Amino acid sequence: MPLLSRHSLFAAGFRMLAAARTDRWLGPLTRGRGVILTFHHVRPAAFGAFAPNRLLEITPGFLDATLRTLRAEGFDIVPLDEVPSRLAAPGMKPFAALTFDDGYRDNVEHAAPVLRRHAAPWTLFVTTDFAEGRGRLWWLELERAIARLERVGLTVGGEALDLPSRTVAEKRNAFAAIYWRLRAGPEDVLLATIARLAESAGGVPEEMVRSLCLGWDEIAELARDPAVAVGAHTVTHPMLAKHDEARARREIADSKAIVEAKLGRPVRHLAYPVGDPTSAGPREFRLAREAGFATAVTTRPGHVFPAHAQHLHALPRISVNGLFQSEAALKSLLSGVPFLAVNRGRRVNVT
């Protein structure tokens, strides 16, 4: 099924849940103790018709609407530091913790003013190489390359691909074909393949990182705000489960040490890059615990239940998706109802 068709079905499903008021009668069973929300970019909409990473960005207006909806729906907005104690305290209002991944400059320019206006605490997860002005935003590199090219030729896993890329539809198909093939294989192959493609399209990866990501001085200035916690998001943003244990351990432990040294304060929280089961699993959960993190968050979708108190290094999150910037979608996600099917009835998924 084409990507846009799936998104249309999801949007229709959110509207149906809202119309049936399913969140009202089923929500008390599915909402759990609270929710940890994931954000990436927050900036005014400026994308064209070809924007495959659009799901990773919302507008400042929708962030404002999200915060207003959270409070209207009875959620306390709390820092990540409070999550363990909230899990152990029955009878309290549901909580929401706000997390922003990768360390993008638009989080300061466009998200921070909205969050400050609502007196909302939040956590910024920093990839240390990005803060140094190096590293690979490979998913954005791929988008930019395909946007510039009229034909995409490359080899993935021994399979030669020669894909037209003139129209918007062709570009969407080319992106999906390349992205998912590369995601399924070794990360070094993914990075090398996209680097070659970006070079052929006239792109320079480091320029993208320096343009989009906060530097250490900017992060240090932001960290002076008592409402902001800075967490670790590894050194190079790898899909940890694709690498051996020594590499995964270094990425987790070194990122903690680097952020602490740069900011002069303890770092208590970790976000696993990509964060799905193919990127972070039981080994990574153990490594985060051994590194001394109080919590670590995945992108496995779901609400947080009392049983997660025993799995603080495998906490689920819900992505506030840029393709579904509507009140109906947000209320459905906050109810927890959509995750009954996604998680096959399980409240805790740490395998």
Protein backbone atom coordinates (compact mmCIF):
# COMPACT_ATOMS: atom_id res chain seq x y z
CA MET A 1 0.00 0.00 0.00
CA PRO A 2 1.44 3.43 -0.90
CA LEU A 3 2.75 5.44 2.00
CA LEU A 4 0.25 8.28 1.60
CA SER A 5 -2.65 5.80 1.48
CA ARG A 6 -1.57 4.34 4.81
CA HIS A 7 -1.39 7.80 6.31
CA SER A 8 -4.87 8.57 4.98
CA LEU A 9 -6.17 5.42 6.64
CA PHE A 10 -4.53 6.36 9.95
CA ALA A 11 -6.04 9.83 9.78
CA ALA A 12 -9.49 8.36 9.06
CA GLY A 13 -9.04 6.00 12.01
CA PHE A 14 -8.24 8.88 14.34
CA ARG A 15 -11.38 10.69 13.19
CA MET A 16 -13.49 7.57 13.75
CA LEU A 17 -12.12 7.09 17.27
CA ALA A 18 -12.87 10.71 18.05
CA ALA A 19 -16.39 10.53 16.62
CA ALA A 20 -17.17 7.40 18.62
CA ARG A 21 -15.64 9.02 21.73
CA THR A 22 -13.72 5.79 22.24
CA ASP A 23 -11.07 7.70 24.16
CA ARG A 24 -13.64 8.59 26.81
CA TRP A 25 -14.91 5.10 27.64
CA LEU A 26 -11.82 3.01 26.89
CA GLY A 27 -9.13 5.55 27.79
CA PRO A 28 -9.14 4.86 31.55
CA LEU A 29 -8.00 1.29 30.77
CA THR A 30 -5.45 2.17 28.08
CA ARG A 31 -3.96 5.46 29.25
CA GLY A 32 -1.81 3.99 32.02
CA ARG A 33 0.02 6.31 34.41
CA GLY A 34 1.08 8.64 31.65
CA VAL A 35 2.89 9.18 28.38
CA ILE A 36 6.31 10.27 27.14
CA LEU A 37 6.00 12.28 23.93
CA THR A 38 8.67 12.44 21.21
CA PHE A 39 9.34 15.51 19.09
CA HIS A 40 12.06 16.27 16.56
CA HIS A 41 11.77 19.48 14.52
CA VAL A 42 9.48 22.34 15.53
CA ARG A 43 9.37 25.06 12.87
CA PRO A 44 6.97 26.85 10.52
CA ALA A 45 5.83 24.64 7.66
CA ALA A 46 8.02 25.30 4.62
CA PHE A 47 8.22 21.92 2.89
CA GLY A 48 7.22 21.17 -0.67
CA ALA A 49 5.25 18.27 -2.09
CA PHE A 50 8.23 15.92 -1.71
CA ALA A 51 8.93 15.80 2.02
CA PRO A 52 9.36 12.18 3.18
CA ASN A 53 10.72 13.27 6.57
CA ARG A 54 7.77 15.57 7.18
CA LEU A 55 6.52 13.20 9.89
CA LEU A 56 9.45 14.38 12.02
CA GLU A 57 8.36 18.00 12.21
CA ILE A 58 5.44 19.96 13.61
CA THR A 59 4.65 23.65 13.62
CA PRO A 60 4.99 25.88 16.68
CA GLY A 61 1.23 26.33 16.52
CA PHE A 62 0.63 22.62 16.85
CA LEU A 63 3.09 22.38 19.73
CA ASP A 64 1.05 25.10 21.43
CA ALA A 65 -2.16 23.16 20.71
CA THR A 66 -0.56 19.97 22.07
CA LEU A 67 0.30 21.61 25.37
CA ARG A 68 -3.15 23.12 25.70
CA THR A 69 -4.77 19.76 24.92
CA LEU A 70 -2.60 17.92 27.44
CA ARG A 71 -3.76 20.19 30.23
CA ALA A 72 -7.38 20.17 29.04
CA GLU A 73 -7.30 16.35 29.07
CA GLY A 74 -6.07 16.35 32.67
CA PHE A 75 -2.37 15.59 32.18
CA ASP A 76 0.32 17.01 34.44
CA ILE A 77 3.35 18.01 32.35
CA VAL A 78 6.36 16.75 34.30
CA PRO A 79 10.14 16.42 33.81
CA LEU A 80 11.58 12.99 33.05
CA ASP A 81 13.10 12.98 36.52
CA GLU A 82 9.59 12.55 37.95
CA VAL A 83 8.62 9.55 35.84
CA PRO A 84 9.95 6.82 38.19
CA SER A 85 8.16 8.30 41.21
CA ARG A 86 4.96 8.79 39.22
CA LEU A 87 4.97 5.13 38.26
CA ALA A 88 5.11 4.21 41.93
CA ALA A 89 2.31 6.59 43.00
CA PRO A 90 -1.24 5.41 42.29
CA GLY A 91 -4.15 7.79 42.30
CA MET A 92 -2.39 10.77 40.74
CA LYS A 93 -3.39 12.59 37.57
CA PRO A 94 -1.87 11.15 34.37
CA PHE A 95 1.47 12.68 33.43
CA ALA A 96 3.10 13.73 30.18
CA ALA A 97 6.86 14.13 29.74
CA LEU A 98 8.13 16.03 26.69
CA THR A 99 11.29 14.90 24.87
CA PHE A 100 13.05 16.34 21.82
CA ASP A 101 15.57 14.20 19.94
CA ASP A 102 18.84 15.00 18.13
CA GLY A 103 19.47 18.61 19.26
CA TYR A 104 18.02 20.71 16.45
CA ARG A 105 18.43 24.46 16.44
CA ASP A 106 14.73 24.99 15.73
CA ASN A 107 14.00 23.53 19.19
CA VAL A 108 15.53 26.72 20.63
CA GLU A 109 14.21 29.09 17.98
CA HIS A 110 10.62 27.84 17.78
CA ALA A 111 9.85 25.24 20.47
CA ALA A 112 11.45 26.86 23.52
CA PRO A 113 9.32 30.04 23.42
CA VAL A 114 6.13 27.97 23.30
CA LEU A 115 7.27 25.68 26.09
CA ARG A 116 8.32 28.66 28.20
CA ARG A 117 4.94 30.30 27.70
CA HIS A 118 3.24 27.18 29.05
CA ALA A 119 5.80 26.72 31.88
CA ALA A 120 6.38 23.21 30.52
CA PRO A 121 9.53 21.26 31.48
CA TRP A 122 11.22 19.32 28.69
CA THR A 123 14.25 17.21 27.82
CA LEU A 124 16.60 17.76 24.88
CA PHE A 125 18.48 14.62 23.82
CA VAL A 126 21.84 15.55 22.30
CA THR A 127 23.90 13.51 19.87
CA THR A 128 27.41 14.65 20.73
CA ASP A 129 28.86 14.44 17.22
CA PHE A 130 26.03 16.65 15.95
CA ALA A 131 26.88 19.22 18.64
CA GLU A 132 30.50 19.10 17.41
CA GLY A 133 29.35 19.97 13.88
CA ARG A 134 29.99 16.56 12.42
CA GLY A 135 28.02 13.35 12.02
CA ARG A 136 25.40 12.12 9.60
CA LEU A 137 21.76 13.15 9.34
CA TRP A 138 21.52 10.42 6.73
CA TRP A 139 17.72 10.39 6.46
CA LEU A 140 17.83 14.08 5.53
CA GLU A 141 20.80 13.58 3.21
CA LEU A 142 18.80 10.95 1.34
CA GLU A 143 15.81 13.26 1.02
CA ARG A 144 17.91 16.14 -0.27
CA ALA A 145 19.74 13.96 -2.79
CA ILE A 146 16.56 12.54 -4.27
CA ALA A 147 15.00 16.00 -4.35
CA ARG A 148 17.90 17.19 -6.52
CA LEU A 149 18.31 14.17 -8.80
CA GLU A 150 16.17 13.28 -11.80
CA ARG A 151 17.33 9.67 -11.76
CA VAL A 152 18.80 7.61 -8.92
CA GLY A 153 21.20 4.80 -9.66
CA LEU A 154 22.88 2.75 -6.92
CA THR A 155 23.47 -0.78 -5.70
CA VAL A 156 22.04 -2.06 -2.43
CA GLY A 157 22.90 -5.54 -1.21
CA GLY A 158 23.99 -6.61 -4.65
CA GLU A 159 20.76 -5.32 -6.19
CA ALA A 160 21.20 -2.64 -8.83
CA LEU A 161 18.55 0.08 -8.63
CA ASP A 162 17.87 2.53 -11.43
CA LEU A 163 14.96 4.67 -10.33
CA PRO A 164 13.30 7.61 -12.09
CA SER A 165 13.09 10.72 -9.91
CA ARG A 166 11.51 13.48 -11.96
CA THR A 167 8.00 13.75 -10.56
CA VAL A 168 6.95 13.98 -6.93
CA ALA A 169 5.46 10.49 -7.11
CA GLU A 170 8.69 9.07 -8.54
CA LYS A 171 10.73 10.76 -5.85
CA ARG A 172 8.50 9.35 -3.10
CA ASN A 173 8.81 5.86 -4.58
CA ALA A 174 12.58 6.18 -4.92
CA PHE A 175 12.98 7.37 -1.33
CA ALA A 176 10.88 4.53 0.07
CA ALA A 177 12.64 1.89 -2.02
CA ILE A 178 16.12 3.02 -0.99
CA TYR A 179 15.33 3.90 2.62
CA TRP A 180 13.79 0.58 3.60
CA ARG A 181 16.37 -1.52 1.76
CA LEU A 182 19.20 0.32 3.52
CA ARG A 183 17.49 0.27 6.94
CA ALA A 184 17.29 -3.52 6.71
CA GLY A 185 21.02 -3.97 6.19
CA PRO A 186 24.31 -3.06 7.90
CA GLU A 187 24.64 0.55 8.98
CA ASP A 188 28.07 1.03 7.42
CA VAL A 189 26.57 0.13 4.04
CA LEU A 190 23.71 2.57 4.62
CA LEU A 191 26.07 5.42 5.48
CA ALA A 192 28.47 4.76 2.62
CA THR A 193 25.69 4.40 0.05
CA ILE A 194 23.94 7.60 1.07
CA ALA A 195 27.26 9.48 1.20
CA ARG A 196 27.93 8.54 -2.43
CA LEU A 197 24.42 9.50 -3.43
CA ALA A 198 24.65 12.83 -1.59
CA GLU A 199 27.98 13.58 -3.26
CA SER A 200 26.52 12.90 -6.69
CA ALA A 201 23.76 15.40 -5.87
CA GLY A 202 26.22 18.06 -4.67
CA GLY A 203 25.54 17.68 -0.97
CA VAL A 204 27.99 18.05 1.94
CA PRO A 205 26.81 16.14 5.06
CA GLU A 206 28.73 18.30 7.52
CA GLU A 207 27.10 21.46 6.22
CA MET A 208 23.68 20.00 6.98
CA VAL A 209 24.65 19.10 10.55
CA ARG A 210 26.17 22.51 11.25
CA SER A 211 23.14 24.25 9.80
CA LEU A 212 20.45 22.26 11.60
CA CYS A 213 21.97 21.23 14.93
CA LEU A 214 22.85 23.20 18.05
CA GLY A 215 26.49 23.65 18.98
CA TRP A 216 27.80 23.24 22.52
CA ASP A 217 27.64 26.95 23.35
CA GLU A 218 23.99 27.05 22.35
CA ILE A 219 23.22 23.89 24.32
CA ALA A 220 24.99 25.27 27.39
CA GLU A 221 22.96 28.47 27.19
CA LEU A 222 19.73 26.49 26.89
CA ALA A 223 20.71 24.25 29.81
CA ARG A 224 20.75 27.28 32.13
CA ASP A 225 16.96 27.20 32.01
CA PRO A 226 15.81 25.13 35.03
CA ALA A 227 12.90 23.80 32.95
CA VAL A 228 15.30 22.12 30.51
CA ALA A 229 17.11 18.83 31.07
CA VAL A 230 19.78 17.72 28.62
CA GLY A 231 20.01 14.01 27.99
CA ALA A 232 22.31 11.80 25.93
CA HIS A 233 21.48 10.46 22.47
CA THR A 234 24.78 8.59 21.85
CA VAL A 235 27.90 9.90 20.12
CA THR A 236 27.21 9.20 16.44
CA HIS A 237 23.47 8.32 16.39
CA PRO A 238 23.87 4.65 15.38
CA MET A 239 21.24 1.95 15.36
CA LEU A 240 22.91 0.34 18.37
CA ALA A 241 21.59 -3.19 17.96
CA LYS A 242 23.33 -3.42 14.57
CA HIS A 243 26.76 -3.12 16.24
CA ASP A 244 28.81 -5.28 18.58
CA GLU A 245 28.53 -4.81 22.33
CA ALA A 246 31.79 -2.90 22.69
CA ARG A 247 30.67 -0.26 20.17
CA ALA A 248 27.22 -0.01 21.72
CA ARG A 249 28.71 0.38 25.20
CA ARG A 250 31.04 3.17 24.03
CA GLU A 251 28.26 5.04 22.28
CA ILE A 252 26.08 4.97 25.40
CA ALA A 253 28.69 5.58 28.09
CA ASP A 254 30.83 8.07 26.17
CA SER A 255 27.85 10.23 25.25
CA LYS A 256 26.95 10.52 28.93
CA ALA A 257 30.52 11.45 29.85
CA ILE A 258 30.86 14.00 27.04
CA VAL A 259 27.61 15.83 27.79
CA GLU A 260 28.44 15.89 31.50
CA ALA A 261 31.89 17.31 30.79
CA LYS A 262 30.54 19.96 28.42
CA LEU A 263 27.73 21.11 30.71
CA GLY A 264 29.21 20.42 34.14
CA ARG A 265 26.17 18.58 35.43
CA PRO A 266 24.93 14.97 35.71
CA VAL A 267 23.14 13.44 32.73
CA ARG A 268 20.38 11.10 33.90
CA HIS A 269 18.46 10.20 30.76
CA LEU A 270 19.22 8.46 27.45
CA ALA A 271 17.29 8.17 24.19
CA TYR A 272 18.20 5.29 21.87
CA PRO A 273 18.67 6.49 18.26
CA VAL A 274 15.85 5.28 15.99
CA GLY A 275 14.72 3.38 19.07
CA ASP A 276 12.65 0.60 17.51
CA PRO A 277 13.25 -3.12 18.29
CA THR A 278 15.76 -3.41 15.43
CA SER A 279 17.81 -0.58 16.96
CA ALA A 280 17.52 -1.10 20.73
CA GLY A 281 16.70 -4.25 22.65
CA PRO A 282 17.49 -6.05 25.90
CA ARG A 283 21.27 -5.71 25.43
CA GLU A 284 21.01 -1.94 25.02
CA PHE A 285 18.63 -1.68 27.99
CA ARG A 286 21.24 -3.44 30.13
CA LEU A 287 24.05 -1.23 28.86
CA ALA A 288 22.08 1.94 29.65
CA ARG A 289 21.43 0.69 33.18
CA GLU A 290 25.09 -0.21 33.66
CA ALA A 291 26.15 3.24 32.41
CA GLY A 292 24.21 4.82 35.26
CA PHE A 293 21.24 6.35 33.50
CA ALA A 294 18.09 6.75 35.60
CA THR A 295 15.87 6.21 32.55
CA ALA A 296 16.24 5.43 28.88
CA VAL A 297 13.55 5.87 26.25
CA THR A 298 12.76 3.96 23.08
CA THR A 299 10.43 4.75 20.20
CA ARG A 300 8.35 1.63 20.85
CA PRO A 301 4.86 3.15 20.84
CA GLY A 302 2.73 3.07 23.93
CA HIS A 303 1.78 4.60 27.25
CA VAL A 304 3.64 4.08 30.50
CA PHE A 305 2.12 1.66 33.03
CA PRO A 306 3.05 0.76 36.64
CA ALA A 307 4.92 -2.33 35.39
CA HIS A 308 7.37 -0.06 33.59
CA ALA A 309 8.81 0.76 37.01
CA GLN A 310 10.75 -2.49 36.54
CA HIS A 311 11.86 -1.47 33.05
CA LEU A 312 13.01 2.13 33.37
CA HIS A 313 15.60 1.65 30.61
CA ALA A 314 13.03 0.47 28.07
CA LEU A 315 10.37 3.15 28.34
CA PRO A 316 7.96 3.57 25.42
CA ARG A 317 7.20 6.89 23.79
CA ILE A 318 4.59 8.30 21.44
CA SER A 319 5.74 10.35 18.47
CA VAL A 320 3.82 13.55 17.81
CA ASN A 321 3.70 12.95 14.08
CA GLY A 322 3.83 15.85 11.66
CA LEU A 323 1.50 14.05 9.29
CA PHE A 324 -1.28 14.04 11.88
CA GLN A 325 -1.40 17.57 13.26
CA SER A 326 -5.02 17.48 14.37
CA GLU A 327 -6.91 17.49 17.64
CA ALA A 328 -8.56 14.18 16.77
CA ALA A 329 -5.24 12.45 16.21
CA LEU A 330 -3.70 13.91 19.35
CA LYS A 331 -6.61 12.95 21.59
CA SER A 332 -6.61 9.42 20.18
CA LEU A 333 -2.90 9.04 20.89
CA LEU A 334 -3.26 10.44 24.39
CA SER A 335 -6.05 7.97 25.13
CA GLY A 336 -3.78 5.00 24.44
CA VAL A 337 -6.55 3.26 22.51
CA PRO A 338 -4.64 2.91 19.18
CA PHE A 339 -1.87 0.98 20.94
CA LEU A 340 -4.16 -1.88 21.99
CA ALA A 341 -3.79 -3.28 18.49
CA VAL A 342 -0.24 -2.09 17.87
CA ASN A 343 1.03 -3.85 21.01
CA ARG A 344 -1.34 -6.84 20.72
CA GLY A 345 -2.84 -6.11 24.10
CA ARG A 346 0.53 -5.95 25.89
CA ARG A 347 1.14 -3.07 28.25
CA VAL A 348 4.88 -3.72 28.48
CA ASN A 349 7.00 -4.68 25.46
CA VAL A 350 10.69 -5.05 26.26
CA THR A 351 11.71 -8.12 24.25
